[in-house]
Amino acid sequence: RGDEAEQVAERTQALVGSLVSLVAGGTVRSLELSHVDGEPVRESPLAADLPAAGFVDGYRGLVLRASRPGSDRAPVTWKA
């Protein structure tokens, strides 16, 4: 079971990293997640990992936004 938990953690890190890279790389300016696998994102297994990666509470779920030029907000980064 330890190996299975490690595999899940690795997949989770890869998934969250990919989502962050969409915003950090400029593919999209923001990304809002309302559901993961049919359940509300705040109740999903990713609920702890997404805020650690920079997602914040939004109206419908969790949102990750790119920093704007001239903004004092830190750029989107995430290290697993």
PDB file of N, CA and C in Angstrom:
ATOM      1  N   ARG A   1       0.809  -1.213   0.000  1.00  0.00           N
ATOM      2  CA  ARG A   1       0.000   0.000   0.000  1.00  0.00           C
ATOM      3  C   ARG A   1       0.843   1.264   0.000  1.00  0.00           C
ATOM      4  N   GLY A   2       2.036   1.197   0.561  1.00  0.00           N
ATOM      5  CA  GLY A   2       2.914   2.349   0.540  1.00  0.00           C
ATOM      6  C   GLY A   2       3.258   2.762  -0.873  1.00  0.00           C
ATOM      7  N   ASP A   3       3.506   1.769  -1.738  1.00  0.00           N
ATOM      8  CA  ASP A   3       3.819   2.066  -3.141  1.00  0.00           C
ATOM      9  C   ASP A   3       2.634   2.724  -3.836  1.00  0.00           C
ATOM     10  N   GLU A   4       1.442   2.256  -3.518  1.00  0.00           N
ATOM     11  CA  GLU A   4       0.241   2.830  -4.130  1.00  0.00           C
ATOM     12  C   GLU A   4       0.072   4.288  -3.707  1.00  0.00           C
ATOM     13  N   ALA A   5       0.289   4.575  -2.437  1.00  0.00           N
ATOM     14  CA  ALA A   5       0.172   5.947  -1.946  1.00  0.00           C
ATOM     15  C   ALA A   5       1.213   6.844  -2.607  1.00  0.00           C
ATOM     16  N   GLU A   6       2.409   6.327  -2.796  1.00  0.00           N
ATOM     17  CA  GLU A   6       3.453   7.101  -3.468  1.00  0.00           C
ATOM     18  C   GLU A   6       3.080   7.385  -4.917  1.00  0.00           C
ATOM     19  N   GLN A   7       2.497   6.392  -5.585  1.00  0.00           N
ATOM     20  CA  GLN A   7       2.085   6.578  -6.974  1.00  0.00           C
ATOM     21  C   GLN A   7       0.987   7.628  -7.083  1.00  0.00           C
ATOM     22  N   VAL A   8       0.043   7.593  -6.150  1.00  0.00           N
ATOM     23  CA  VAL A   8      -1.031   8.588  -6.151  1.00  0.00           C
ATOM     24  C   VAL A   8      -0.445   9.976  -5.916  1.00  0.00           C
ATOM     25  N   ALA A   9       0.483  10.087  -4.979  1.00  0.00           N
ATOM     26  CA  ALA A   9       1.113  11.380  -4.697  1.00  0.00           C
ATOM     27  C   ALA A   9       1.875  11.893  -5.920  1.00  0.00           C
ATOM     28  N   GLU A  10       2.579  11.017  -6.605  1.00  0.00           N
ATOM     29  CA  GLU A  10       3.326  11.417  -7.804  1.00  0.00           C
ATOM     30  C   GLU A  10       2.390  11.870  -8.907  1.00  0.00           C
ATOM     31  N   ARG A  11       1.293  11.140  -9.103  1.00  0.00           N
ATOM     32  CA  ARG A  11       0.314  11.529 -10.130  1.00  0.00           C
ATOM     33  C   ARG A  11      -0.334  12.865  -9.775  1.00  0.00           C
ATOM     34  N   THR A  12      -0.626  13.057  -8.497  1.00  0.00           N
ATOM     35  CA  THR A  12      -1.230  14.309  -8.052  1.00  0.00           C
ATOM     36  C   THR A  12      -0.285  15.471  -8.306  1.00  0.00           C
ATOM     37  N   GLN A  13       0.985  15.299  -7.964  1.00  0.00           N
ATOM     38  CA  GLN A  13       1.970  16.352  -8.199  1.00  0.00           C
ATOM     39  C   GLN A  13       2.104  16.657  -9.687  1.00  0.00           C
ATOM     40  N   ALA A  14       2.100  15.628 -10.509  1.00  0.00           N
ATOM     41  CA  ALA A  14       2.206  15.830 -11.954  1.00  0.00           C
ATOM     42  C   ALA A  14       0.990  16.581 -12.484  1.00  0.00           C
ATOM     43  N   LEU A  15      -0.192  16.209 -12.020  1.00  0.00           N
ATOM     44  CA  LEU A  15      -1.420  16.861 -12.468  1.00  0.00           C
ATOM     45  C   LEU A  15      -1.440  18.326 -12.065  1.00  0.00           C
ATOM     46  N   VAL A  16      -1.186  18.594 -10.791  1.00  0.00           N
ATOM     47  CA  VAL A  16      -1.211  19.971 -10.314  1.00  0.00           C
ATOM     48  C   VAL A  16      -0.117  20.784 -11.016  1.00  0.00           C
ATOM     49  N   GLY A  17       1.040  20.194 -11.190  1.00  0.00           N
ATOM     50  CA  GLY A  17       2.116  20.880 -11.905  1.00  0.00           C
ATOM     51  C   GLY A  17       1.726  21.235 -13.323  1.00  0.00           C
ATOM     52  N   SER A  18       1.018  20.343 -13.988  1.00  0.00           N
ATOM     53  CA  SER A  18       0.555  20.608 -15.355  1.00  0.00           C
ATOM     54  C   SER A  18      -0.454  21.750 -15.389  1.00  0.00           C
ATOM     55  N   LEU A  19      -1.349  21.772 -14.424  1.00  0.00           N
ATOM     56  CA  LEU A  19      -2.333  22.859 -14.353  1.00  0.00           C
ATOM     57  C   LEU A  19      -1.640  24.193 -14.121  1.00  0.00           C
ATOM     58  N   VAL A  20      -0.689  24.213 -13.201  1.00  0.00           N
ATOM     59  CA  VAL A  20       0.053  25.435 -12.916  1.00  0.00           C
ATOM     60  C   VAL A  20       0.820  25.895 -14.159  1.00  0.00           C
ATOM     61  N   SER A  21       1.393  24.955 -14.894  1.00  0.00           N
ATOM     62  CA  SER A  21       2.181  25.333 -16.069  1.00  0.00           C
ATOM     63  C   SER A  21       1.314  25.971 -17.156  1.00  0.00           C
ATOM     64  N   LEU A  22       0.045  25.621 -17.233  1.00  0.00           N
ATOM     65  CA  LEU A  22      -0.849  26.267 -18.200  1.00  0.00           C
ATOM     66  C   LEU A  22      -0.940  27.760 -17.947  1.00  0.00           C
ATOM     67  N   VAL A  23      -1.007  28.132 -16.673  1.00  0.00           N
ATOM     68  CA  VAL A  23      -1.113  29.545 -16.313  1.00  0.00           C
ATOM     69  C   VAL A  23       0.271  30.201 -16.325  1.00  0.00           C
ATOM     70  N   ALA A  24       1.239  29.559 -15.712  1.00  0.00           N
ATOM     71  CA  ALA A  24       2.584  30.136 -15.627  1.00  0.00           C
ATOM     72  C   ALA A  24       3.208  30.298 -17.013  1.00  0.00           C
ATOM     73  N   GLY A  25       2.909  29.388 -17.916  1.00  0.00           N
ATOM     74  CA  GLY A  25       3.467  29.452 -19.260  1.00  0.00           C
ATOM     75  C   GLY A  25       2.714  30.371 -20.196  1.00  0.00           C
ATOM     76  N   GLY A  26       1.605  30.931 -19.742  1.00  0.00           N
ATOM     77  CA  GLY A  26       0.856  31.878 -20.554  1.00  0.00           C
ATOM     78  C   GLY A  26      -0.158  31.256 -21.493  1.00  0.00           C
ATOM     79  N   THR A  27      -0.355  29.946 -21.409  1.00  0.00           N
ATOM     80  CA  THR A  27      -1.362  29.299 -22.262  1.00  0.00           C
ATOM     81  C   THR A  27      -2.748  29.849 -21.959  1.00  0.00           C
ATOM     82  N   VAL A  28      -3.039  30.035 -20.681  1.00  0.00           N
ATOM     83  CA  VAL A  28      -4.295  30.651 -20.242  1.00  0.00           C
ATOM     84  C   VAL A  28      -3.952  31.691 -19.175  1.00  0.00           C
ATOM     85  N   ARG A  29      -4.800  32.707 -19.025  1.00  0.00           N
ATOM     86  CA  ARG A  29      -4.550  33.738 -18.006  1.00  0.00           C
ATOM     87  C   ARG A  29      -5.043  33.325 -16.639  1.00  0.00           C
ATOM     88  N   SER A  30      -6.069  32.486 -16.614  1.00  0.00           N
ATOM     89  CA  SER A  30      -6.578  31.998 -15.340  1.00  0.00           C
ATOM     90  C   SER A  30      -7.226  30.637 -15.560  1.00  0.00           C
ATOM     91  N   LEU A  31      -7.334  29.911 -14.476  1.00  0.00           N
ATOM     92  CA  LEU A  31      -7.904  28.574 -14.528  1.00  0.00           C
ATOM     93  C   LEU A  31      -8.771  28.396 -13.300  1.00  0.00           C
ATOM     94  N   GLU A  32     -10.054  28.085 -13.513  1.00  0.00           N
ATOM     95  CA  GLU A  32     -10.974  27.871 -12.401  1.00  0.00           C
ATOM     96  C   GLU A  32     -11.438  26.420 -12.420  1.00  0.00           C
ATOM     97  N   LEU A  33     -11.286  25.759 -11.292  1.00  0.00           N
ATOM     98  CA  LEU A  33     -11.753  24.384 -11.146  1.00  0.00           C
ATOM     99  C   LEU A  33     -12.945  24.376 -10.205  1.00  0.00           C
ATOM    100  N   SER A  34     -14.054  23.823 -10.676  1.00  0.00           N
ATOM    101  CA  SER A  34     -15.230  23.713  -9.810  1.00  0.00           C
ATOM    102  C   SER A  34     -15.447  22.273  -9.360  1.00  0.00           C
ATOM    103  N   HIS A  35     -15.082  21.304 -10.215  1.00  0.00           N
ATOM    104  CA  HIS A  35     -15.272  19.889  -9.888  1.00  0.00           C
ATOM    105  C   HIS A  35     -14.062  19.068 -10.329  1.00  0.00           C
ATOM    106  N   VAL A  36     -13.805  18.015  -9.612  1.00  0.00           N
ATOM    107  CA  VAL A  36     -12.777  17.043  -9.976  1.00  0.00           C
ATOM    108  C   VAL A  36     -13.420  15.668  -9.883  1.00  0.00           C
ATOM    109  N   ASP A  37     -13.425  14.950 -10.979  1.00  0.00           N
ATOM    110  CA  ASP A  37     -14.050  13.622 -11.037  1.00  0.00           C
ATOM    111  C   ASP A  37     -15.483  13.634 -10.502  1.00  0.00           C
ATOM    112  N   GLY A  38     -16.222  14.704 -10.836  1.00  0.00           N
ATOM    113  CA  GLY A  38     -17.631  14.769 -10.488  1.00  0.00           C
ATOM    114  C   GLY A  38     -17.943  15.274  -9.091  1.00  0.00           C
ATOM    115  N   GLU A  39     -16.941  15.537  -8.280  1.00  0.00           N
ATOM    116  CA  GLU A  39     -17.215  16.056  -6.939  1.00  0.00           C
ATOM    117  C   GLU A  39     -16.662  17.470  -6.816  1.00  0.00           C
ATOM    118  N   PRO A  40     -17.253  18.280  -5.931  1.00  0.00           N
ATOM    119  CA  PRO A  40     -16.758  19.649  -5.773  1.00  0.00           C
ATOM    120  C   PRO A  40     -15.264  19.654  -5.467  1.00  0.00           C
ATOM    121  N   VAL A  41     -14.547  20.570  -6.083  1.00  0.00           N
ATOM    122  CA  VAL A  41     -13.086  20.594  -5.960  1.00  0.00           C
ATOM    123  C   VAL A  41     -12.638  20.712  -4.509  1.00  0.00           C
ATOM    124  N   ARG A  42     -13.395  21.442  -3.688  1.00  0.00           N
ATOM    125  CA  ARG A  42     -13.009  21.611  -2.279  1.00  0.00           C
ATOM    126  C   ARG A  42     -13.160  20.328  -1.477  1.00  0.00           C
ATOM    127  N   GLU A  43     -13.871  19.347  -2.031  1.00  0.00           N
ATOM    128  CA  GLU A  43     -14.053  18.056  -1.359  1.00  0.00           C
ATOM    129  C   GLU A  43     -13.243  16.953  -2.038  1.00  0.00           C
ATOM    130  N   SER A  44     -12.489  17.302  -3.048  1.00  0.00           N
ATOM    131  CA  SER A  44     -11.740  16.317  -3.829  1.00  0.00           C
ATOM    132  C   SER A  44     -10.404  15.986  -3.159  1.00  0.00           C
ATOM    133  N   PRO A  45      -9.772  14.917  -3.610  1.00  0.00           N
ATOM    134  CA  PRO A  45      -8.439  14.587  -3.092  1.00  0.00           C
ATOM    135  C   PRO A  45      -7.394  15.670  -3.393  1.00  0.00           C
ATOM    136  N   LEU A  46      -7.676  16.553  -4.343  1.00  0.00           N
ATOM    137  CA  LEU A  46      -6.734  17.628  -4.682  1.00  0.00           C
ATOM    138  C   LEU A  46      -6.914  18.866  -3.812  1.00  0.00           C
ATOM    139  N   ALA A  47      -7.895  18.855  -2.926  1.00  0.00           N
ATOM    140  CA  ALA A  47      -8.253  20.050  -2.152  1.00  0.00           C
ATOM    141  C   ALA A  47      -7.077  20.631  -1.375  1.00  0.00           C
ATOM    142  N   ALA A  48      -6.170  19.820  -0.889  1.00  0.00           N
ATOM    143  CA  ALA A  48      -5.017  20.331  -0.139  1.00  0.00           C
ATOM    144  C   ALA A  48      -3.889  20.775  -1.059  1.00  0.00           C
ATOM    145  N   ASP A  49      -3.743  20.130  -2.192  1.00  0.00           N
ATOM    146  CA  ASP A  49      -2.624  20.414  -3.092  1.00  0.00           C
ATOM    147  C   ASP A  49      -2.819  21.682  -3.910  1.00  0.00           C
ATOM    148  N   LEU A  50      -4.029  21.987  -4.289  1.00  0.00           N
ATOM    149  CA  LEU A  50      -4.266  23.143  -5.157  1.00  0.00           C
ATOM    150  C   LEU A  50      -3.949  24.475  -4.470  1.00  0.00           C
ATOM    151  N   PRO A  51      -4.402  24.717  -3.245  1.00  0.00           N
ATOM    152  CA  PRO A  51      -4.020  25.977  -2.581  1.00  0.00           C
ATOM    153  C   PRO A  51      -2.506  26.092  -2.383  1.00  0.00           C
ATOM    154  N   ALA A  52      -1.853  24.984  -2.114  1.00  0.00           N
ATOM    155  CA  ALA A  52      -0.395  25.010  -1.960  1.00  0.00           C
ATOM    156  C   ALA A  52       0.285  25.418  -3.256  1.00  0.00           C
ATOM    157  N   ALA A  53      -0.384  25.211  -4.382  1.00  0.00           N
ATOM    158  CA  ALA A  53       0.164  25.560  -5.692  1.00  0.00           C
ATOM    159  C   ALA A  53      -0.244  26.961  -6.136  1.00  0.00           C
ATOM    160  N   GLY A  54      -1.000  27.676  -5.305  1.00  0.00           N
ATOM    161  CA  GLY A  54      -1.376  29.043  -5.634  1.00  0.00           C
ATOM    162  C   GLY A  54      -2.838  29.261  -5.969  1.00  0.00           C
ATOM    163  N   PHE A  55      -3.636  28.207  -5.999  1.00  0.00           N
ATOM    164  CA  PHE A  55      -5.070  28.364  -6.241  1.00  0.00           C
ATOM    165  C   PHE A  55      -5.713  29.039  -5.035  1.00  0.00           C
ATOM    166  N   VAL A  56      -6.655  29.918  -5.286  1.00  0.00           N
ATOM    167  CA  VAL A  56      -7.371  30.622  -4.225  1.00  0.00           C
ATOM    168  C   VAL A  56      -8.867  30.389  -4.386  1.00  0.00           C
ATOM    169  N   ASP A  57      -9.610  30.666  -3.320  1.00  0.00           N
ATOM    170  CA  ASP A  57     -11.056  30.500  -3.379  1.00  0.00           C
ATOM    171  C   ASP A  57     -11.656  31.440  -4.401  1.00  0.00           C
ATOM    172  N   GLY A  58     -12.547  30.888  -5.193  1.00  0.00           N
ATOM    173  CA  GLY A  58     -13.302  31.661  -6.162  1.00  0.00           C
ATOM    174  C   GLY A  58     -14.780  31.432  -5.920  1.00  0.00           C
ATOM    175  N   TYR A  59     -15.605  32.053  -6.723  1.00  0.00           N
ATOM    176  CA  TYR A  59     -17.055  31.941  -6.550  1.00  0.00           C
ATOM    177  C   TYR A  59     -17.543  30.503  -6.719  1.00  0.00           C
ATOM    178  N   ARG A  60     -17.021  29.810  -7.725  1.00  0.00           N
ATOM    179  CA  ARG A  60     -17.489  28.455  -8.030  1.00  0.00           C
ATOM    180  C   ARG A  60     -16.527  27.353  -7.610  1.00  0.00           C
ATOM    181  N   GLY A  61     -15.337  27.719  -7.200  1.00  0.00           N
ATOM    182  CA  GLY A  61     -14.350  26.697  -6.869  1.00  0.00           C
ATOM    183  C   GLY A  61     -13.022  27.326  -6.520  1.00  0.00           C
ATOM    184  N   LEU A  62     -11.953  26.764  -7.047  1.00  0.00           N
ATOM    185  CA  LEU A  62     -10.611  27.283  -6.817  1.00  0.00           C
ATOM    186  C   LEU A  62     -10.063  27.861  -8.113  1.00  0.00           C
ATOM    187  N   VAL A  63      -9.373  28.993  -8.018  1.00  0.00           N
ATOM    188  CA  VAL A  63      -8.915  29.739  -9.181  1.00  0.00           C
ATOM    189  C   VAL A  63      -7.413  29.975  -9.085  1.00  0.00           C
ATOM    190  N   LEU A  64      -6.746  29.843 -10.209  1.00  0.00           N
ATOM    191  CA  LEU A  64      -5.336  30.203 -10.325  1.00  0.00           C
ATOM    192  C   LEU A  64      -5.241  31.260 -11.409  1.00  0.00           C
ATOM    193  N   ARG A  65      -4.656  32.410 -11.077  1.00  0.00           N
ATOM    194  CA  ARG A  65      -4.519  33.500 -12.037  1.00  0.00           C
ATOM    195  C   ARG A  65      -3.056  33.854 -12.213  1.00  0.00           C
ATOM    196  N   ALA A  66      -2.709  34.233 -13.421  1.00  0.00           N
ATOM    197  CA  ALA A  66      -1.361  34.725 -13.694  1.00  0.00           C
ATOM    198  C   ALA A  66      -1.234  36.125 -13.112  1.00  0.00           C
ATOM    199  N   SER A  67      -0.042  36.465 -12.696  1.00  0.00           N
ATOM    200  CA  SER A  67       0.165  37.825 -12.207  1.00  0.00           C
ATOM    201  C   SER A  67       0.185  38.769 -13.401  1.00  0.00           C
ATOM    202  N   ARG A  68      -0.274  39.962 -13.179  1.00  0.00           N
ATOM    203  CA  ARG A  68      -0.309  40.964 -14.240  1.00  0.00           C
ATOM    204  C   ARG A  68       0.956  41.813 -14.187  1.00  0.00           C
ATOM    205  N   PRO A  69       1.425  42.275 -15.334  1.00  0.00           N
ATOM    206  CA  PRO A  69       2.582  43.169 -15.323  1.00  0.00           C
ATOM    207  C   PRO A  69       2.297  44.376 -14.432  1.00  0.00           C
ATOM    208  N   GLY A  70       3.249  44.718 -13.595  1.00  0.00           N
ATOM    209  CA  GLY A  70       3.067  45.844 -12.681  1.00  0.00           C
ATOM    210  C   GLY A  70       2.349  45.464 -11.400  1.00  0.00           C
ATOM    211  N   SER A  71       1.911  44.229 -11.297  1.00  0.00           N
ATOM    212  CA  SER A  71       1.220  43.775 -10.093  1.00  0.00           C
ATOM    213  C   SER A  71       2.246  43.448  -9.021  1.00  0.00           C
ATOM    214  N   ASP A  72       1.872  43.646  -7.776  1.00  0.00           N
ATOM    215  CA  ASP A  72       2.769  43.295  -6.683  1.00  0.00           C
ATOM    216  C   ASP A  72       2.581  41.842  -6.265  1.00  0.00           C
ATOM    217  N   ARG A  73       1.693  41.165  -6.961  1.00  0.00           N
ATOM    218  CA  ARG A  73       1.463  39.756  -6.657  1.00  0.00           C
ATOM    219  C   ARG A  73       2.591  38.909  -7.216  1.00  0.00           C
ATOM    220  N   ALA A  74       2.991  37.912  -6.465  1.00  0.00           N
ATOM    221  CA  ALA A  74       4.077  37.043  -6.904  1.00  0.00           C
ATOM    222  C   ALA A  74       3.640  36.231  -8.110  1.00  0.00           C
ATOM    223  N   PRO A  75       4.570  35.918  -9.018  1.00  0.00           N
ATOM    224  CA  PRO A  75       4.221  35.070 -10.158  1.00  0.00           C
ATOM    225  C   PRO A  75       3.865  33.664  -9.707  1.00  0.00           C
ATOM    226  N   VAL A  76       3.150  32.957 -10.537  1.00  0.00           N
ATOM    227  CA  VAL A  76       2.722  31.599 -10.224  1.00  0.00           C
ATOM    228  C   VAL A  76       3.935  30.666 -10.302  1.00  0.00           C
ATOM    229  N   THR A  77       4.197  29.996  -9.200  1.00  0.00           N
ATOM    230  CA  THR A  77       5.233  28.960  -9.178  1.00  0.00           C
ATOM    231  C   THR A  77       4.764  27.854  -8.261  1.00  0.00           C
ATOM    232  N   TRP A  78       5.265  26.678  -8.485  1.00  0.00           N
ATOM    233  CA  TRP A  78       4.935  25.552  -7.609  1.00  0.00           C
ATOM    234  C   TRP A  78       6.036  24.539  -7.693  1.00  0.00           C
ATOM    235  N   LYS A  79       6.496  24.127  -6.544  1.00  0.00           N
ATOM    236  CA  LYS A  79       7.530  23.105  -6.486  1.00  0.00           C
ATOM    237  C   LYS A  79       7.009  21.931  -5.708  1.00  0.00           C
ATOM    238  N   ALA A  80       7.056  20.771  -6.315  1.00  0.00           N
ATOM    239  CA  ALA A  80       6.573  19.556  -5.668  1.00  0.00           C
ATOM    240  C   ALA A  80       7.609  19.013  -4.708  1.00  0.00           C
TER     241      ALA A  80
END
